[in-house]
Amino acid sequence: MPPVMGAAAFLMAEFTGIPYWEIALAAAIPA
């Protein structure tokens, strides 16, 4: 659940190079 997701979401931002906010936004509908 955005905006503060599990710790792995921050790792995802680093691994993929995608800004964290874009990841949080993308996760909103599935959540």
PDB file of all heavy atoms in Angstrom:
ATOM      1  N   MET A   1       0.829  -1.200   0.000  1.00  0.00           N
ATOM      2  CA  MET A   1       0.000   0.000   0.000  1.00  0.00           C
ATOM      3  C   MET A   1       0.869   1.258   0.000  1.00  0.00           C
ATOM      4  O   MET A   1       1.599   1.518   0.946  1.00  0.00           O
ATOM      5  CB  MET A   1      -0.918   0.001   1.233  1.00  0.00           C
ATOM      6  CG  MET A   1      -1.741   1.272   1.401  1.00  0.00           C
ATOM      7  SD  MET A   1      -2.808   1.654  -0.005  1.00  0.00           S
ATOM      8  CE  MET A   1      -4.060   0.391   0.161  1.00  0.00           C
ATOM      9  N   PRO A   2       0.824   2.052  -1.075  1.00  0.00           N
ATOM     10  CA  PRO A   2       1.535   3.337  -1.077  1.00  0.00           C
ATOM     11  C   PRO A   2       0.905   4.274  -0.040  1.00  0.00           C
ATOM     12  O   PRO A   2      -0.222   4.030   0.394  1.00  0.00           O
ATOM     13  CB  PRO A   2       1.298   3.861  -2.500  1.00  0.00           C
ATOM     14  CG  PRO A   2       0.858   2.670  -3.299  1.00  0.00           C
ATOM     15  CD  PRO A   2       0.111   1.802  -2.334  1.00  0.00           C
ATOM     16  N   PRO A   3       1.572   5.355   0.385  1.00  0.00           N
ATOM     17  CA  PRO A   3       2.833   5.859  -0.172  1.00  0.00           C
ATOM     18  C   PRO A   3       4.085   5.203   0.419  1.00  0.00           C
ATOM     19  O   PRO A   3       5.122   5.198  -0.196  1.00  0.00           O
ATOM     20  CB  PRO A   3       2.792   7.340   0.204  1.00  0.00           C
ATOM     21  CG  PRO A   3       2.022   7.364   1.492  1.00  0.00           C
ATOM     22  CD  PRO A   3       0.971   6.303   1.356  1.00  0.00           C
ATOM     23  N   VAL A   4       3.994   4.657   1.669  1.00  0.00           N
ATOM     24  CA  VAL A   4       5.159   4.022   2.283  1.00  0.00           C
ATOM     25  C   VAL A   4       4.959   2.517   2.198  1.00  0.00           C
ATOM     26  O   VAL A   4       4.244   1.923   2.986  1.00  0.00           O
ATOM     27  CB  VAL A   4       5.346   4.458   3.755  1.00  0.00           C
ATOM     28  CG1 VAL A   4       6.624   3.849   4.319  1.00  0.00           C
ATOM     29  CG2 VAL A   4       5.380   5.974   3.868  1.00  0.00           C
ATOM     30  N   MET A   5       5.595   1.907   1.196  1.00  0.00           N
ATOM     31  CA  MET A   5       5.445   0.476   0.977  1.00  0.00           C
ATOM     32  C   MET A   5       6.504  -0.281   1.779  1.00  0.00           C
ATOM     33  O   MET A   5       7.260   0.316   2.551  1.00  0.00           O
ATOM     34  CB  MET A   5       5.558   0.187  -0.516  1.00  0.00           C
ATOM     35  CG  MET A   5       4.508   0.903  -1.367  1.00  0.00           C
ATOM     36  SD  MET A   5       4.923   0.953  -3.107  1.00  0.00           S
ATOM     37  CE  MET A   5       4.846  -0.794  -3.524  1.00  0.00           C
ATOM     38  N   GLY A   6       6.547  -1.614   1.593  1.00  0.00           N
ATOM     39  CA  GLY A   6       7.562  -2.404   2.269  1.00  0.00           C
ATOM     40  C   GLY A   6       8.964  -1.975   1.869  1.00  0.00           C
ATOM     41  O   GLY A   6       9.169  -1.330   0.832  1.00  0.00           O
ATOM     42  N   ALA A   7       9.936  -2.342   2.690  1.00  0.00           N
ATOM     43  CA  ALA A   7      11.319  -1.917   2.453  1.00  0.00           C
ATOM     44  C   ALA A   7      11.823  -2.326   1.080  1.00  0.00           C
ATOM     45  O   ALA A   7      12.629  -1.619   0.456  1.00  0.00           O
ATOM     46  CB  ALA A   7      12.222  -2.507   3.540  1.00  0.00           C
ATOM     47  N   ALA A   8      11.313  -3.462   0.567  1.00  0.00           N
ATOM     48  CA  ALA A   8      11.783  -3.945  -0.732  1.00  0.00           C
ATOM     49  C   ALA A   8      11.442  -2.980  -1.860  1.00  0.00           C
ATOM     50  O   ALA A   8      12.111  -2.973  -2.898  1.00  0.00           O
ATOM     51  CB  ALA A   8      11.180  -5.323  -1.026  1.00  0.00           C
ATOM     52  N   ALA A   9      10.409  -2.146  -1.681  1.00  0.00           N
ATOM     53  CA  ALA A   9      10.042  -1.185  -2.729  1.00  0.00           C
ATOM     54  C   ALA A   9      11.161  -0.159  -2.942  1.00  0.00           C
ATOM     55  O   ALA A   9      11.392   0.296  -4.069  1.00  0.00           O
ATOM     56  CB  ALA A   9       8.739  -0.480  -2.365  1.00  0.00           C
ATOM     57  N   PHE A  10      11.862   0.207  -1.869  1.00  0.00           N
ATOM     58  CA  PHE A  10      12.979   1.145  -1.995  1.00  0.00           C
ATOM     59  C   PHE A  10      14.156   0.481  -2.710  1.00  0.00           C
ATOM     60  O   PHE A  10      14.878   1.122  -3.482  1.00  0.00           O
ATOM     61  CB  PHE A  10      13.397   1.648  -0.613  1.00  0.00           C
ATOM     62  CG  PHE A  10      12.331   2.451   0.076  1.00  0.00           C
ATOM     63  CD1 PHE A  10      11.476   1.870   0.987  1.00  0.00           C
ATOM     64  CD2 PHE A  10      12.171   3.794  -0.216  1.00  0.00           C
ATOM     65  CE1 PHE A  10      10.482   2.602   1.613  1.00  0.00           C
ATOM     66  CE2 PHE A  10      11.184   4.548   0.403  1.00  0.00           C
ATOM     67  CZ  PHE A  10      10.334   3.947   1.317  1.00  0.00           C
ATOM     68  N   LEU A  11      14.325  -0.822  -2.442  1.00  0.00           N
ATOM     69  CA  LEU A  11      15.351  -1.567  -3.164  1.00  0.00           C
ATOM     70  C   LEU A  11      15.006  -1.641  -4.651  1.00  0.00           C
ATOM     71  O   LEU A  11      15.882  -1.533  -5.511  1.00  0.00           O
ATOM     72  CB  LEU A  11      15.465  -2.983  -2.597  1.00  0.00           C
ATOM     73  CG  LEU A  11      16.168  -3.107  -1.240  1.00  0.00           C
ATOM     74  CD1 LEU A  11      15.856  -4.453  -0.608  1.00  0.00           C
ATOM     75  CD2 LEU A  11      17.659  -2.919  -1.386  1.00  0.00           C
ATOM     76  N   MET A  12      13.717  -1.800  -4.939  1.00  0.00           N
ATOM     77  CA  MET A  12      13.276  -1.859  -6.327  1.00  0.00           C
ATOM     78  C   MET A  12      13.650  -0.575  -7.064  1.00  0.00           C
ATOM     79  O   MET A  12      14.066  -0.605  -8.225  1.00  0.00           O
ATOM     80  CB  MET A  12      11.763  -2.079  -6.400  1.00  0.00           C
ATOM     81  CG  MET A  12      11.265  -2.503  -7.766  1.00  0.00           C
ATOM     82  SD  MET A  12       9.452  -2.534  -7.892  1.00  0.00           S
ATOM     83  CE  MET A  12       9.022  -3.599  -6.535  1.00  0.00           C
ATOM     84  N   ALA A  13      13.490   0.549  -6.388  1.00  0.00           N
ATOM     85  CA  ALA A  13      13.831   1.830  -7.012  1.00  0.00           C
ATOM     86  C   ALA A  13      15.304   1.873  -7.390  1.00  0.00           C
ATOM     87  O   ALA A  13      15.675   2.365  -8.468  1.00  0.00           O
ATOM     88  CB  ALA A  13      13.490   2.978  -6.062  1.00  0.00           C
ATOM     89  N   GLU A  14      16.175   1.342  -6.528  1.00  0.00           N
ATOM     90  CA  GLU A  14      17.611   1.335  -6.810  1.00  0.00           C
ATOM     91  C   GLU A  14      17.971   0.314  -7.892  1.00  0.00           C
ATOM     92  O   GLU A  14      18.769   0.584  -8.780  1.00  0.00           O
ATOM     93  CB  GLU A  14      18.386   1.021  -5.528  1.00  0.00           C
ATOM     94  CG  GLU A  14      18.431   2.173  -4.535  1.00  0.00           C
ATOM     95  CD  GLU A  14      19.168   3.375  -5.095  1.00  0.00           C
ATOM     96  OE1 GLU A  14      20.362   3.254  -5.397  1.00  0.00           O
ATOM     97  OE2 GLU A  14      18.536   4.437  -5.235  1.00  0.00           O
ATOM     98  N   PHE A  15      17.377  -0.870  -7.807  1.00  0.00           N
ATOM     99  CA  PHE A  15      17.699  -1.932  -8.764  1.00  0.00           C
ATOM    100  C   PHE A  15      17.249  -1.587 -10.183  1.00  0.00           C
ATOM    101  O   PHE A  15      17.919  -1.931 -11.164  1.00  0.00           O
ATOM    102  CB  PHE A  15      17.045  -3.247  -8.339  1.00  0.00           C
ATOM    103  CG  PHE A  15      17.730  -3.934  -7.184  1.00  0.00           C
ATOM    104  CD1 PHE A  15      17.208  -5.095  -6.632  1.00  0.00           C
ATOM    105  CD2 PHE A  15      18.908  -3.437  -6.640  1.00  0.00           C
ATOM    106  CE1 PHE A  15      17.829  -5.736  -5.576  1.00  0.00           C
ATOM    107  CE2 PHE A  15      19.536  -4.059  -5.582  1.00  0.00           C
ATOM    108  CZ  PHE A  15      18.995  -5.212  -5.048  1.00  0.00           C
ATOM    109  N   THR A  16      16.085  -0.945 -10.302  1.00  0.00           N
ATOM    110  CA  THR A  16      15.515  -0.679 -11.622  1.00  0.00           C
ATOM    111  C   THR A  16      15.862   0.705 -12.149  1.00  0.00           C
ATOM    112  O   THR A  16      15.727   0.960 -13.352  1.00  0.00           O
ATOM    113  CB  THR A  16      13.982  -0.811 -11.593  1.00  0.00           C
ATOM    114  OG1 THR A  16      13.435   0.179 -10.693  1.00  0.00           O
ATOM    115  CG2 THR A  16      13.564  -2.201 -11.131  1.00  0.00           C
ATOM    116  N   GLY A  17      16.273   1.619 -11.254  1.00  0.00           N
ATOM    117  CA  GLY A  17      16.534   2.991 -11.673  1.00  0.00           C
ATOM    118  C   GLY A  17      15.261   3.798 -11.873  1.00  0.00           C
ATOM    119  O   GLY A  17      15.295   4.921 -12.384  1.00  0.00           O
ATOM    120  N   ILE A  18      14.121   3.235 -11.447  1.00  0.00           N
ATOM    121  CA  ILE A  18      12.834   3.929 -11.552  1.00  0.00           C
ATOM    122  C   ILE A  18      12.603   4.698 -10.259  1.00  0.00           C
ATOM    123  O   ILE A  18      12.733   4.134  -9.170  1.00  0.00           O
ATOM    124  CB  ILE A  18      11.689   2.920 -11.792  1.00  0.00           C
ATOM    125  CG1 ILE A  18      11.914   2.165 -13.100  1.00  0.00           C
ATOM    126  CG2 ILE A  18      10.330   3.630 -11.814  1.00  0.00           C
ATOM    127  CD1 ILE A  18      10.958   0.999 -13.308  1.00  0.00           C
ATOM    128  N   PRO A  19      12.264   6.000 -10.329  1.00  0.00           N
ATOM    129  CA  PRO A  19      12.032   6.779  -9.107  1.00  0.00           C
ATOM    130  C   PRO A  19      10.995   6.119  -8.202  1.00  0.00           C
ATOM    131  O   PRO A  19      10.018   5.533  -8.684  1.00  0.00           O
ATOM    132  CB  PRO A  19      11.521   8.132  -9.640  1.00  0.00           C
ATOM    133  CG  PRO A  19      12.077   8.222 -11.017  1.00  0.00           C
ATOM    134  CD  PRO A  19      12.100   6.817 -11.547  1.00  0.00           C
ATOM    135  N   TYR A  20      11.227   6.230  -6.885  1.00  0.00           N
ATOM    136  CA  TYR A  20      10.333   5.573  -5.925  1.00  0.00           C
ATOM    137  C   TYR A  20       8.887   6.010  -6.100  1.00  0.00           C
ATOM    138  O   TYR A  20       7.963   5.190  -5.996  1.00  0.00           O
ATOM    139  CB  TYR A  20      10.791   5.855  -4.486  1.00  0.00           C
ATOM    140  CG  TYR A  20       9.811   5.319  -3.469  1.00  0.00           C
ATOM    141  CD1 TYR A  20       9.761   3.959  -3.190  1.00  0.00           C
ATOM    142  CD2 TYR A  20       8.903   6.161  -2.818  1.00  0.00           C
ATOM    143  CE1 TYR A  20       8.845   3.443  -2.289  1.00  0.00           C
ATOM    144  CE2 TYR A  20       7.982   5.659  -1.921  1.00  0.00           C
ATOM    145  CZ  TYR A  20       7.955   4.309  -1.661  1.00  0.00           C
ATOM    146  OH  TYR A  20       7.027   3.806  -0.776  1.00  0.00           O
ATOM    147  N   TRP A  21       8.665   7.306  -6.371  1.00  0.00           N
ATOM    148  CA  TRP A  21       7.285   7.774  -6.492  1.00  0.00           C
ATOM    149  C   TRP A  21       6.586   7.093  -7.664  1.00  0.00           C
ATOM    150  O   TRP A  21       5.394   6.769  -7.570  1.00  0.00           O
ATOM    151  CB  TRP A  21       7.243   9.293  -6.649  1.00  0.00           C
ATOM    152  CG  TRP A  21       5.858   9.800  -6.945  1.00  0.00           C
ATOM    153  CD1 TRP A  21       5.422  10.413  -8.064  1.00  0.00           C
ATOM    154  CD2 TRP A  21       4.727   9.685  -6.081  1.00  0.00           C
ATOM    155  NE1 TRP A  21       4.076  10.699  -7.957  1.00  0.00           N
ATOM    156  CE2 TRP A  21       3.621  10.255  -6.753  1.00  0.00           C
ATOM    157  CE3 TRP A  21       4.528   9.139  -4.806  1.00  0.00           C
ATOM    158  CZ2 TRP A  21       2.349  10.327  -6.187  1.00  0.00           C
ATOM    159  CZ3 TRP A  21       3.250   9.192  -4.252  1.00  0.00           C
ATOM    160  CH2 TRP A  21       2.193   9.780  -4.927  1.00  0.00           C
ATOM    161  N   GLU A  22       7.294   6.859  -8.757  1.00  0.00           N
ATOM    162  CA  GLU A  22       6.683   6.166  -9.896  1.00  0.00           C
ATOM    163  C   GLU A  22       6.314   4.729  -9.523  1.00  0.00           C
ATOM    164  O   GLU A  22       5.293   4.199  -9.968  1.00  0.00           O
ATOM    165  CB  GLU A  22       7.633   6.179 -11.095  1.00  0.00           C
ATOM    166  CG  GLU A  22       7.795   7.556 -11.742  1.00  0.00           C
ATOM    167  CD  GLU A  22       8.647   7.511 -13.009  1.00  0.00           C
ATOM    168  OE1 GLU A  22       8.739   6.425 -13.624  1.00  0.00           O
ATOM    169  OE2 GLU A  22       9.229   8.551 -13.362  1.00  0.00           O
ATOM    170  N   ILE A  23       7.159   4.105  -8.712  1.00  0.00           N
ATOM    171  CA  ILE A  23       6.860   2.744  -8.248  1.00  0.00           C
ATOM    172  C   ILE A  23       5.633   2.752  -7.348  1.00  0.00           C
ATOM    173  O   ILE A  23       4.732   1.908  -7.478  1.00  0.00           O
ATOM    174  CB  ILE A  23       8.079   2.148  -7.508  1.00  0.00           C
ATOM    175  CG1 ILE A  23       9.203   1.862  -8.508  1.00  0.00           C
ATOM    176  CG2 ILE A  23       7.699   0.869  -6.759  1.00  0.00           C
ATOM    177  CD1 ILE A  23      10.498   1.430  -7.870  1.00  0.00           C
ATOM    178  N   ALA A  24       5.566   3.724  -6.425  1.00  0.00           N
ATOM    179  CA  ALA A  24       4.418   3.836  -5.529  1.00  0.00           C
ATOM    180  C   ALA A  24       3.138   4.099  -6.310  1.00  0.00           C
ATOM    181  O   ALA A  24       2.077   3.529  -6.013  1.00  0.00           O
ATOM    182  CB  ALA A  24       4.659   4.944  -4.511  1.00  0.00           C
ATOM    183  N   LEU A  25       3.225   4.951  -7.313  1.00  0.00           N
ATOM    184  CA  LEU A  25       2.062   5.261  -8.140  1.00  0.00           C
ATOM    185  C   LEU A  25       1.616   4.027  -8.929  1.00  0.00           C
ATOM    186  O   LEU A  25       0.418   3.727  -9.024  1.00  0.00           O
ATOM    187  CB  LEU A  25       2.402   6.404  -9.103  1.00  0.00           C
ATOM    188  CG  LEU A  25       1.226   7.094  -9.819  1.00  0.00           C
ATOM    189  CD1 LEU A  25       0.305   7.753  -8.807  1.00  0.00           C
ATOM    190  CD2 LEU A  25       1.758   8.138 -10.804  1.00  0.00           C
ATOM    191  N   ALA A  26       2.581   3.307  -9.467  1.00  0.00           N
ATOM    192  CA  ALA A  26       2.262   2.088 -10.227  1.00  0.00           C
ATOM    193  C   ALA A  26       1.627   1.026  -9.337  1.00  0.00           C
ATOM    194  O   ALA A  26       0.790   0.232  -9.792  1.00  0.00           O
ATOM    195  CB  ALA A  26       3.537   1.533 -10.869  1.00  0.00           C
ATOM    196  N   ALA A  27       2.008   1.016  -8.054  1.00  0.00           N
ATOM    197  CA  ALA A  27       1.486   0.003  -7.124  1.00  0.00           C
ATOM    198  C   ALA A  27       0.093   0.337  -6.617  1.00  0.00           C
ATOM    199  O   ALA A  27      -0.560  -0.520  -6.000  1.00  0.00           O
ATOM    200  CB  ALA A  27       2.440  -0.141  -5.934  1.00  0.00           C
ATOM    201  N   ALA A  28      -0.396   1.549  -6.869  1.00  0.00           N
ATOM    202  CA  ALA A  28      -1.659   1.998  -6.282  1.00  0.00           C
ATOM    203  C   ALA A  28      -2.850   1.163  -6.753  1.00  0.00           C
ATOM    204  O   ALA A  28      -3.655   0.690  -5.936  1.00  0.00           O
ATOM    205  CB  ALA A  28      -1.884   3.481  -6.599  1.00  0.00           C
ATOM    206  N   ILE A  29      -2.980   0.975  -8.074  1.00  0.00           N
ATOM    207  CA  ILE A  29      -4.139   0.246  -8.598  1.00  0.00           C
ATOM    208  C   ILE A  29      -4.124  -1.227  -8.152  1.00  0.00           C
ATOM    209  O   ILE A  29      -5.144  -1.745  -7.674  1.00  0.00           O
ATOM    210  CB  ILE A  29      -4.210   0.368 -10.131  1.00  0.00           C
ATOM    211  CG1 ILE A  29      -4.505   1.824 -10.524  1.00  0.00           C
ATOM    212  CG2 ILE A  29      -5.292  -0.553 -10.694  1.00  0.00           C
ATOM    213  CD1 ILE A  29      -4.468   2.084 -12.020  1.00  0.00           C
ATOM    214  N   PRO A  30      -2.983  -1.948  -8.262  1.00  0.00           N
ATOM    215  CA  PRO A  30      -2.962  -3.325  -7.740  1.00  0.00           C
ATOM    216  C   PRO A  30      -3.306  -3.395  -6.251  1.00  0.00           C
ATOM    217  O   PRO A  30      -3.980  -4.337  -5.823  1.00  0.00           O
ATOM    218  CB  PRO A  30      -1.511  -3.771  -7.991  1.00  0.00           C
ATOM    219  CG  PRO A  30      -1.088  -2.983  -9.187  1.00  0.00           C
ATOM    220  CD  PRO A  30      -1.734  -1.643  -9.000  1.00  0.00           C
ATOM    221  N   ALA A  31      -2.862  -2.401  -5.472  1.00  0.00           N
ATOM    222  CA  ALA A  31      -3.167  -2.400  -4.037  1.00  0.00           C
ATOM    223  C   ALA A  31      -4.669  -2.244  -3.807  1.00  0.00           C
ATOM    224  O   ALA A  31      -5.259  -2.912  -2.951  1.00  0.00           O
ATOM    225  CB  ALA A  31      -2.405  -1.278  -3.334  1.00  0.00           C
TER     226      ALA A  31
END
